[in-house]
C-alpha atoms as a PDB file:
ATOM      1  CA  UNK A   1      -5.689 137.803  64.039  1.00  0.00           C
ATOM      2  CA  UNK A   2      -8.827 140.349  63.984  1.00  0.00           C
ATOM      3  CA  UNK A   3      -7.544 143.967  64.454  1.00  0.00           C
ATOM      4  CA  UNK A   4      -9.003 145.085  67.530  1.00  0.00           C
ATOM      5  CA  UNK A   5      -7.100 147.912  69.443  1.00  0.00           C
ATOM      6  CA  UNK A   6      -6.856 146.518  72.604  1.00  0.00           C
ATOM      7  CA  UNK A   7      -7.107 142.333  73.973  1.00  0.00           C
ATOM      8  CA  UNK A   8     -10.591 142.554  74.435  1.00  0.00           C
ATOM      9  CA  UNK A   9     -11.530 144.953  71.428  1.00  0.00           C
ATOM     10  CA  UNK A  10     -11.982 148.291  70.064  1.00  0.00           C
ATOM     11  CA  UNK A  11     -13.145 150.896  72.783  1.00  0.00           C
ATOM     12  CA  UNK A  12     -11.195 150.961  75.729  1.00  0.00           C
ATOM     13  CA  UNK A  13     -12.823 150.221  78.989  1.00  0.00           C
ATOM     14  CA  UNK A  14     -10.813 151.264  81.937  1.00  0.00           C
ATOM     15  CA  UNK A  15     -12.139 147.949  84.434  1.00  0.00           C
ATOM     16  CA  UNK A  16     -10.398 145.835  81.842  1.00  0.00           C
ATOM     17  CA  UNK A  17      -6.666 146.859  82.308  1.00  0.00           C
ATOM     18  CA  UNK A  18      -3.966 148.154  84.842  1.00  0.00           C
ATOM     19  CA  UNK A  19      -3.398 151.358  82.669  1.00  0.00           C
ATOM     20  CA  UNK A  20      -2.705 154.879  84.521  1.00  0.00           C
ATOM     21  CA  UNK A  21      -3.888 154.314  87.991  1.00  0.00           C
ATOM     22  CA  UNK A  22      -0.694 155.173  89.505  1.00  0.00           C
ATOM     23  CA  UNK A  23      -0.140 152.047  91.273  1.00  0.00           C
ATOM     24  CA  UNK A  24       0.826 148.170  90.034  1.00  0.00           C
ATOM     25  CA  UNK A  25      -1.602 145.443  90.806  1.00  0.00           C
ATOM     26  CA  UNK A  26      -1.752 141.960  91.210  1.00  0.00           C
ATOM     27  CA  UNK A  27      -1.589 140.184  87.948  1.00  0.00           C
ATOM     28  CA  UNK A  28      -4.376 138.948  86.890  1.00  0.00           C
ATOM     29  CA  UNK A  29      -7.083 141.388  88.748  1.00  0.00           C
ATOM     30  CA  UNK A  30      -8.685 142.693  85.054  1.00  0.00           C
ATOM     31  CA  UNK A  31     -10.040 139.464  83.827  1.00  0.00           C
ATOM     32  CA  UNK A  32     -12.061 141.501  81.522  1.00  0.00           C
ATOM     33  CA  UNK A  33      -9.204 142.389  79.819  1.00  0.00           C
ATOM     34  CA  UNK A  34      -7.687 138.532  78.902  1.00  0.00           C
ATOM     35  CA  UNK A  35      -7.030 138.214  75.001  1.00  0.00           C
ATOM     36  CA  UNK A  36      -9.207 136.161  72.504  1.00  0.00           C
ATOM     37  CA  UNK A  37      -6.653 133.364  73.665  1.00  0.00           C
ATOM     38  CA  UNK A  38      -7.267 133.979  77.256  1.00  0.00           C
ATOM     39  CA  UNK A  39      -4.119 135.633  77.942  1.00  0.00           C
ATOM     40  CA  UNK A  40      -4.379 138.104  80.487  1.00  0.00           C
ATOM     41  CA  UNK A  41      -2.743 141.658  81.497  1.00  0.00           C
ATOM     42  CA  UNK A  42      -1.640 141.911  77.617  1.00  0.00           C
ATOM     43  CA  UNK A  43      -2.443 145.651  78.177  1.00  0.00           C
ATOM     44  CA  UNK A  44      -1.913 147.000  81.504  1.00  0.00           C
ATOM     45  CA  UNK A  45       0.133 146.519  84.929  1.00  0.00           C
ATOM     46  CA  UNK A  46       4.191 146.250  83.425  1.00  0.00           C
ATOM     47  CA  UNK A  47       5.098 147.306  80.051  1.00  0.00           C
ATOM     48  CA  UNK A  48       6.606 144.565  78.323  1.00  0.00           C
ATOM     49  CA  UNK A  49      10.063 144.696  76.486  1.00  0.00           C
ATOM     50  CA  UNK A  50       9.934 142.401  73.150  1.00  0.00           C
ATOM     51  CA  UNK A  51      12.341 140.984  70.848  1.00  0.00           C
ATOM     52  CA  UNK A  52      11.266 143.758  67.934  1.00  0.00           C
ATOM     53  CA  UNK A  53      14.552 145.762  67.919  1.00  0.00           C
ATOM     54  CA  UNK A  54      14.704 149.232  66.086  1.00  0.00           C
ATOM     55  CA  UNK A  55      17.893 150.042  65.562  1.00  0.00           C
ATOM     56  CA  UNK A  56      20.126 149.982  68.766  1.00  0.00           C
ATOM     57  CA  UNK A  57      16.455 150.331  70.638  1.00  0.00           C
ATOM     58  CA  UNK A  58      14.064 148.001  72.034  1.00  0.00           C
ATOM     59  CA  UNK A  59      10.449 148.408  71.653  1.00  0.00           C
ATOM     60  CA  UNK A  60       8.006 148.014  74.574  1.00  0.00           C
ATOM     61  CA  UNK A  61       4.695 147.243  74.071  1.00  0.00           C
ATOM     62  CA  UNK A  62       0.897 147.198  76.735  1.00  0.00           C
ATOM     63  CA  UNK A  63       1.445 150.195  78.450  1.00  0.00           C
ATOM     64  CA  UNK A  64       1.757 150.585  82.644  1.00  0.00           C
ATOM     65  CA  UNK A  65      -0.092 151.452  85.811  1.00  0.00           C
ATOM     66  CA  UNK A  66       1.889 154.736  85.046  1.00  0.00           C
ATOM     67  CA  UNK A  67       1.654 155.630  81.608  1.00  0.00           C
ATOM     68  CA  UNK A  68      -1.291 156.749  79.532  1.00  0.00           C
ATOM     69  CA  UNK A  69      -4.396 154.382  78.293  1.00  0.00           C
ATOM     70  CA  UNK A  70      -3.442 154.628  74.325  1.00  0.00           C
ATOM     71  CA  UNK A  71      -0.343 152.620  75.352  1.00  0.00           C
ATOM     72  CA  UNK A  72      -2.200 149.758  75.842  1.00  0.00           C
ATOM     73  CA  UNK A  73      -3.178 149.469  72.277  1.00  0.00           C
ATOM     74  CA  UNK A  74      -2.686 146.625  70.525  1.00  0.00           C
ATOM     75  CA  UNK A  75      -0.989 148.844  67.383  1.00  0.00           C
ATOM     76  CA  UNK A  76       0.857 150.875  70.003  1.00  0.00           C
ATOM     77  CA  UNK A  77       4.455 150.612  68.939  1.00  0.00           C
ATOM     78  CA  UNK A  78       5.742 154.235  69.824  1.00  0.00           C
ATOM     79  CA  UNK A  79       8.353 153.073  73.057  1.00  0.00           C
ATOM     80  CA  UNK A  80      11.009 152.521  71.766  1.00  0.00           C
ATOM     81  CA  UNK A  81      14.375 152.594  74.614  1.00  0.00           C
ATOM     82  CA  UNK A  82      17.957 150.466  74.683  1.00  0.00           C
ATOM     83  CA  UNK A  83      18.410 147.266  76.120  1.00  0.00           C
ATOM     84  CA  UNK A  84      20.651 148.889  79.096  1.00  0.00           C
ATOM     85  CA  UNK A  85      17.268 151.296  80.486  1.00  0.00           C
ATOM     86  CA  UNK A  86      15.462 150.235  83.561  1.00  0.00           C
ATOM     87  CA  UNK A  87      12.458 151.299  85.458  1.00  0.00           C
ATOM     88  CA  UNK A  88       9.878 150.127  87.870  1.00  0.00           C
ATOM     89  CA  UNK A  89       6.734 149.907  85.499  1.00  0.00           C
ATOM     90  CA  UNK A  90       8.791 147.991  83.128  1.00  0.00           C
ATOM     91  CA  UNK A  91       9.015 143.539  82.910  1.00  0.00           C
ATOM     92  CA  UNK A  92       9.000 141.463  80.652  1.00  0.00           C
ATOM     93  CA  UNK A  93       6.629 138.011  79.543  1.00  0.00           C
ATOM     94  CA  UNK A  94       7.962 134.240  80.525  1.00  0.00           C
ATOM     95  CA  UNK A  95       5.944 132.023  77.212  1.00  0.00           C
ATOM     96  CA  UNK A  96       6.640 128.646  78.020  1.00  0.00           C
ATOM     97  CA  UNK A  97       5.385 125.825  75.114  1.00  0.00           C
END
């Protein structure tokens, strides 16, 4: 809501997210990267599918341990893939209310 570039603020800091490390990490390993709402791992570790479609492709967000740090930006919507695509650094977030 406050137009920040990353979940924690406007400046990329390598110790706040698992972006481009070359290996996955345990969920919650980067507590300094939590969003203002306390949500963990919104940037890094596994890039996440979204429900946002562009034609017959869906937008993935958040970057991963395999991608470049700029993919972890809140505003990055550059990764668009067909729904049947799979890769070892792609995941999804389960949300319960």
